[in-house]
Amino acid sequence: MKLTYAVVIEQTPNNYGAYAPDIPGCISTAATPDEMLANIREALAFHIDGLIRGGDPVPTPAMSIEDAIAYHSQSLADVDAEWLAAGGDVMAPQSARFQTVEVEIPTPQETPTG
């Protein structure tokens, strides 16, 4: 089965980071944009496989690219406000891009009864 998630890819001074807002806690980093795409695809597949193995529901892809942009913008504003309130300097990413990533996930196996 294939699922397609909106992904946020951020460039920082040292590397790239990515996350899918529909799947909290699933993040990845890499040195290059191409490596980042491969890494986030792998991270999503690994995370979803863990959910399936644990009997947890797989998050349905719900965010469009536009939703991901709005989510990311609000998240940055919230983090910046908290960071500044704590006396820190704003450490926003240098740039961000948004795209969809298709992930192949295993179909949950039916358990025989009886």
N, C-alpha and C. Protein backbone atom coordinates (compact mmCIF):
# COMPACT_ATOMS: atom_id res chain seq x y z
N MET A 1 0.84 -1.16 0.00
CA MET A 1 0.00 0.00 0.00
C MET A 1 0.90 1.24 0.00
N LYS A 2 0.48 2.27 -0.74
CA LYS A 2 1.24 3.51 -0.80
C LYS A 2 0.43 4.63 -0.17
N LEU A 3 1.12 5.44 0.64
CA LEU A 3 0.53 6.62 1.25
C LEU A 3 1.38 7.82 0.86
N THR A 4 0.75 8.97 0.68
CA THR A 4 1.46 10.18 0.29
C THR A 4 1.26 11.24 1.37
N TYR A 5 2.38 11.69 1.95
CA TYR A 5 2.36 12.68 3.02
C TYR A 5 3.00 13.98 2.57
N ALA A 6 2.47 15.09 3.08
CA ALA A 6 3.11 16.39 2.88
C ALA A 6 4.31 16.44 3.83
N VAL A 7 5.43 16.92 3.32
CA VAL A 7 6.68 16.95 4.09
C VAL A 7 7.25 18.37 4.05
N VAL A 8 7.79 18.78 5.19
CA VAL A 8 8.48 20.07 5.31
C VAL A 8 9.98 19.78 5.33
N ILE A 9 10.71 20.42 4.44
CA ILE A 9 12.17 20.26 4.40
C ILE A 9 12.79 21.62 4.69
N GLU A 10 13.57 21.69 5.75
CA GLU A 10 14.20 22.93 6.17
C GLU A 10 15.71 22.88 5.92
N GLN A 11 16.26 23.98 5.43
CA GLN A 11 17.70 24.11 5.32
C GLN A 11 18.18 24.93 6.50
N THR A 12 19.17 24.42 7.21
CA THR A 12 19.80 25.14 8.31
C THR A 12 21.24 25.46 7.90
N PRO A 13 21.98 26.20 8.71
CA PRO A 13 23.36 26.49 8.32
C PRO A 13 24.23 25.24 8.14
N ASN A 14 23.88 24.14 8.83
CA ASN A 14 24.74 22.95 8.81
C ASN A 14 24.21 21.76 8.04
N ASN A 15 22.89 21.69 7.83
CA ASN A 15 22.33 20.51 7.18
C ASN A 15 20.89 20.77 6.77
N TYR A 16 20.17 19.70 6.47
CA TYR A 16 18.75 19.76 6.14
C TYR A 16 18.00 18.89 7.15
N GLY A 17 16.80 19.31 7.48
CA GLY A 17 15.94 18.53 8.36
C GLY A 17 14.57 18.43 7.71
N ALA A 18 13.85 17.36 8.03
CA ALA A 18 12.53 17.19 7.44
C ALA A 18 11.60 16.51 8.43
N TYR A 19 10.31 16.80 8.26
CA TYR A 19 9.28 16.14 9.06
C TYR A 19 7.97 16.16 8.28
N ALA A 20 7.08 15.24 8.66
CA ALA A 20 5.74 15.19 8.08
C ALA A 20 4.77 15.56 9.20
N PRO A 21 4.08 16.69 9.09
CA PRO A 21 3.18 17.10 10.17
C PRO A 21 2.11 16.07 10.52
N ASP A 22 1.72 15.23 9.57
CA ASP A 22 0.71 14.20 9.85
C ASP A 22 1.23 13.08 10.74
N ILE A 23 2.57 12.99 10.89
CA ILE A 23 3.16 11.91 11.68
C ILE A 23 4.08 12.52 12.74
N PRO A 24 3.51 12.94 13.87
CA PRO A 24 4.31 13.57 14.92
C PRO A 24 5.45 12.67 15.39
N GLY A 25 6.61 13.29 15.58
CA GLY A 25 7.76 12.56 16.10
C GLY A 25 8.63 11.92 15.05
N CYS A 26 8.22 11.94 13.80
CA CYS A 26 9.01 11.34 12.73
C CYS A 26 9.77 12.45 12.02
N ILE A 27 11.09 12.48 12.26
CA ILE A 27 11.95 13.51 11.68
C ILE A 27 13.20 12.87 11.11
N SER A 28 13.93 13.62 10.32
CA SER A 28 15.19 13.12 9.77
C SER A 28 16.08 14.31 9.43
N THR A 29 17.37 14.05 9.33
CA THR A 29 18.33 15.07 8.91
C THR A 29 19.25 14.45 7.86
N ALA A 30 19.91 15.32 7.11
CA ALA A 30 20.87 14.87 6.09
C ALA A 30 21.73 16.05 5.66
N ALA A 31 22.80 15.73 4.94
CA ALA A 31 23.74 16.76 4.49
C ALA A 31 23.29 17.44 3.20
N THR A 32 22.50 16.76 2.37
CA THR A 32 22.08 17.32 1.08
C THR A 32 20.57 17.15 0.90
N PRO A 33 19.97 17.93 0.02
CA PRO A 33 18.53 17.79 -0.23
C PRO A 33 18.14 16.40 -0.75
N ASP A 34 18.94 15.85 -1.68
CA ASP A 34 18.62 14.52 -2.21
C ASP A 34 18.69 13.45 -1.13
N GLU A 35 19.72 13.53 -0.30
CA GLU A 35 19.86 12.60 0.81
C GLU A 35 18.69 12.78 1.79
N MET A 36 18.27 14.03 1.96
CA MET A 36 17.16 14.30 2.88
C MET A 36 15.88 13.63 2.41
N LEU A 37 15.58 13.70 1.13
CA LEU A 37 14.38 13.05 0.61
C LEU A 37 14.41 11.54 0.84
N ALA A 38 15.55 10.93 0.57
CA ALA A 38 15.68 9.50 0.79
C ALA A 38 15.54 9.17 2.27
N ASN A 39 16.15 9.99 3.13
CA ASN A 39 16.11 9.74 4.58
C ASN A 39 14.71 9.90 5.16
N ILE A 40 13.97 10.94 4.74
CA ILE A 40 12.64 11.14 5.31
C ILE A 40 11.69 10.05 4.82
N ARG A 41 11.86 9.61 3.58
CA ARG A 41 11.04 8.51 3.06
C ARG A 41 11.31 7.24 3.89
N GLU A 42 12.57 6.97 4.16
CA GLU A 42 12.94 5.81 4.97
C GLU A 42 12.44 5.96 6.41
N ALA A 43 12.57 7.16 6.97
CA ALA A 43 12.10 7.40 8.35
C ALA A 43 10.59 7.20 8.45
N LEU A 44 9.85 7.70 7.46
CA LEU A 44 8.40 7.52 7.47
C LEU A 44 8.02 6.05 7.39
N ALA A 45 8.66 5.32 6.49
CA ALA A 45 8.36 3.89 6.35
C ALA A 45 8.69 3.15 7.64
N PHE A 46 9.82 3.46 8.25
CA PHE A 46 10.23 2.81 9.51
C PHE A 46 9.25 3.14 10.63
N HIS A 47 8.87 4.40 10.73
CA HIS A 47 7.95 4.85 11.78
C HIS A 47 6.58 4.17 11.62
N ILE A 48 6.08 4.15 10.40
CA ILE A 48 4.79 3.53 10.14
C ILE A 48 4.84 2.03 10.39
N ASP A 49 5.93 1.38 10.01
CA ASP A 49 6.08 -0.04 10.28
C ASP A 49 6.03 -0.30 11.78
N GLY A 50 6.67 0.56 12.57
CA GLY A 50 6.63 0.42 14.03
C GLY A 50 5.22 0.58 14.58
N LEU A 51 4.47 1.52 14.01
CA LEU A 51 3.07 1.69 14.44
C LEU A 51 2.26 0.43 14.14
N ILE A 52 2.44 -0.11 12.94
CA ILE A 52 1.71 -1.32 12.55
C ILE A 52 2.07 -2.48 13.47
N ARG A 53 3.36 -2.67 13.70
CA ARG A 53 3.82 -3.78 14.56
C ARG A 53 3.31 -3.61 16.00
N GLY A 54 3.15 -2.36 16.43
CA GLY A 54 2.67 -2.10 17.78
C GLY A 54 1.15 -2.12 17.89
N GLY A 55 0.48 -2.35 16.77
CA GLY A 55 -0.97 -2.38 16.78
C GLY A 55 -1.62 -1.00 16.83
N ASP A 56 -0.83 0.03 16.55
CA ASP A 56 -1.34 1.40 16.57
C ASP A 56 -1.85 1.79 15.18
N PRO A 57 -2.78 2.73 15.12
CA PRO A 57 -3.28 3.16 13.81
C PRO A 57 -2.23 3.94 13.04
N VAL A 58 -2.27 3.80 11.74
CA VAL A 58 -1.39 4.56 10.85
C VAL A 58 -2.08 5.88 10.55
N PRO A 59 -1.40 7.01 10.81
CA PRO A 59 -2.02 8.31 10.53
C PRO A 59 -2.37 8.45 9.05
N THR A 60 -3.58 8.83 8.80
CA THR A 60 -4.04 9.06 7.44
C THR A 60 -3.43 10.35 6.92
N PRO A 61 -2.87 10.33 5.71
CA PRO A 61 -2.37 11.59 5.15
C PRO A 61 -3.53 12.57 5.01
N ALA A 62 -3.46 13.67 5.73
CA ALA A 62 -4.56 14.63 5.74
C ALA A 62 -4.14 16.01 5.27
N MET A 63 -2.88 16.36 5.46
CA MET A 63 -2.44 17.72 5.13
C MET A 63 -2.08 17.86 3.66
N SER A 64 -2.58 18.94 3.08
CA SER A 64 -2.15 19.33 1.74
C SER A 64 -0.85 20.12 1.90
N ILE A 65 -0.23 20.45 0.80
CA ILE A 65 0.96 21.30 0.86
C ILE A 65 0.60 22.64 1.51
N GLU A 66 -0.55 23.19 1.16
CA GLU A 66 -0.98 24.46 1.75
C GLU A 66 -1.15 24.34 3.27
N ASP A 67 -1.74 23.22 3.72
CA ASP A 67 -1.88 22.98 5.16
C ASP A 67 -0.52 22.87 5.84
N ALA A 68 0.42 22.18 5.19
CA ALA A 68 1.76 22.02 5.76
C ALA A 68 2.47 23.36 5.87
N ILE A 69 2.29 24.22 4.88
CA ILE A 69 2.89 25.56 4.93
C ILE A 69 2.34 26.34 6.12
N ALA A 70 1.02 26.31 6.28
CA ALA A 70 0.40 27.02 7.41
C ALA A 70 0.85 26.44 8.75
N TYR A 71 0.91 25.12 8.84
CA TYR A 71 1.35 24.44 10.07
C TYR A 71 2.78 24.85 10.40
N HIS A 72 3.64 24.81 9.41
CA HIS A 72 5.05 25.14 9.61
C HIS A 72 5.22 26.59 10.04
N SER A 73 4.49 27.49 9.39
CA SER A 73 4.58 28.91 9.73
C SER A 73 4.13 29.15 11.17
N GLN A 74 3.04 28.52 11.58
CA GLN A 74 2.56 28.68 12.95
C GLN A 74 3.54 28.07 13.95
N SER A 75 4.09 26.90 13.62
CA SER A 75 5.07 26.25 14.50
C SER A 75 6.28 27.13 14.71
N LEU A 76 6.78 27.75 13.63
CA LEU A 76 7.93 28.66 13.76
C LEU A 76 7.60 29.84 14.65
N ALA A 77 6.42 30.40 14.47
CA ALA A 77 6.01 31.55 15.29
C ALA A 77 5.94 31.16 16.76
N ASP A 78 5.38 29.98 17.06
CA ASP A 78 5.28 29.51 18.44
C ASP A 78 6.65 29.27 19.06
N VAL A 79 7.53 28.60 18.33
CA VAL A 79 8.87 28.31 18.83
C VAL A 79 9.65 29.60 19.04
N ASP A 80 9.57 30.51 18.06
CA ASP A 80 10.29 31.77 18.18
C ASP A 80 9.83 32.56 19.40
N ALA A 81 8.52 32.60 19.65
CA ALA A 81 7.99 33.34 20.80
C ALA A 81 8.50 32.73 22.10
N GLU A 82 8.47 31.41 22.20
CA GLU A 82 8.96 30.73 23.42
C GLU A 82 10.45 30.96 23.59
N TRP A 83 11.20 30.85 22.50
CA TRP A 83 12.65 31.00 22.53
C TRP A 83 13.03 32.42 22.95
N LEU A 84 12.36 33.41 22.36
CA LEU A 84 12.65 34.80 22.72
C LEU A 84 12.26 35.10 24.16
N ALA A 85 11.15 34.54 24.62
CA ALA A 85 10.71 34.74 26.01
C ALA A 85 11.73 34.18 26.98
N ALA A 86 12.44 33.15 26.57
CA ALA A 86 13.47 32.53 27.42
C ALA A 86 14.83 33.23 27.27
N GLY A 87 14.87 34.29 26.45
CA GLY A 87 16.11 35.05 26.30
C GLY A 87 17.01 34.57 25.18
N GLY A 88 16.52 33.71 24.31
CA GLY A 88 17.34 33.19 23.22
C GLY A 88 17.27 34.04 21.97
N ASP A 89 18.18 33.78 21.05
CA ASP A 89 18.15 34.42 19.75
C ASP A 89 17.29 33.57 18.82
N VAL A 90 16.63 34.21 17.86
CA VAL A 90 15.81 33.48 16.90
C VAL A 90 16.73 32.63 16.02
N MET A 91 16.41 31.36 15.90
CA MET A 91 17.23 30.43 15.13
C MET A 91 16.38 29.79 14.02
N ALA A 92 15.71 30.60 13.25
CA ALA A 92 14.84 30.09 12.18
C ALA A 92 15.69 29.44 11.10
N PRO A 93 15.10 28.47 10.40
CA PRO A 93 15.81 27.86 9.28
C PRO A 93 16.10 28.90 8.20
N GLN A 94 17.13 28.64 7.40
CA GLN A 94 17.47 29.56 6.31
C GLN A 94 16.39 29.53 5.23
N SER A 95 15.83 28.36 4.98
CA SER A 95 14.77 28.23 4.00
C SER A 95 13.99 26.96 4.29
N ALA A 96 12.81 26.88 3.71
CA ALA A 96 11.99 25.68 3.83
C ALA A 96 11.30 25.45 2.50
N ARG A 97 11.14 24.17 2.18
CA ARG A 97 10.35 23.83 1.00
C ARG A 97 9.37 22.75 1.40
N PHE A 98 8.34 22.59 0.62
CA PHE A 98 7.24 21.71 0.97
C PHE A 98 6.94 20.83 -0.24
N GLN A 99 6.83 19.55 -0.01
CA GLN A 99 6.49 18.65 -1.10
C GLN A 99 5.85 17.40 -0.55
N THR A 100 5.32 16.59 -1.44
CA THR A 100 4.73 15.34 -1.00
C THR A 100 5.75 14.23 -1.18
N VAL A 101 5.65 13.24 -0.31
CA VAL A 101 6.52 12.07 -0.36
C VAL A 101 5.64 10.83 -0.30
N GLU A 102 5.84 9.95 -1.25
CA GLU A 102 5.09 8.70 -1.28
C GLU A 102 5.87 7.63 -0.53
N VAL A 103 5.16 6.90 0.32
CA VAL A 103 5.79 5.88 1.15
C VAL A 103 5.09 4.55 0.92
N GLU A 104 5.86 3.54 0.66
CA GLU A 104 5.34 2.17 0.54
C GLU A 104 5.32 1.57 1.93
N ILE A 105 4.14 1.13 2.36
CA ILE A 105 4.05 0.52 3.69
C ILE A 105 3.46 -0.88 3.55
N PRO A 106 3.84 -1.75 4.47
CA PRO A 106 3.29 -3.11 4.41
C PRO A 106 1.80 -3.10 4.74
N THR A 107 1.08 -3.97 4.08
CA THR A 107 -0.33 -4.13 4.39
C THR A 107 -0.41 -4.98 5.66
N PRO A 108 -1.16 -4.53 6.67
CA PRO A 108 -1.27 -5.33 7.89
C PRO A 108 -1.78 -6.73 7.58
N GLN A 109 -1.12 -7.71 8.16
CA GLN A 109 -1.49 -9.10 7.95
C GLN A 109 -2.70 -9.45 8.78
N GLU A 110 -3.62 -10.19 8.19
CA GLU A 110 -4.76 -10.66 8.96
C GLU A 110 -4.32 -11.80 9.85
N THR A 111 -4.80 -11.80 11.08
CA THR A 111 -4.47 -12.86 12.02
C THR A 111 -5.54 -13.93 11.94
N PRO A 112 -5.15 -15.19 11.68
CA PRO A 112 -6.15 -16.26 11.64
C PRO A 112 -6.81 -16.43 12.99
N THR A 113 -8.10 -16.66 12.98
CA THR A 113 -8.82 -16.91 14.22
C THR A 113 -9.07 -18.41 14.35
N GLY A 114 -9.28 -18.82 15.58
CA GLY A 114 -9.65 -20.21 15.73
C GLY A 114 -8.82 -20.90 16.65
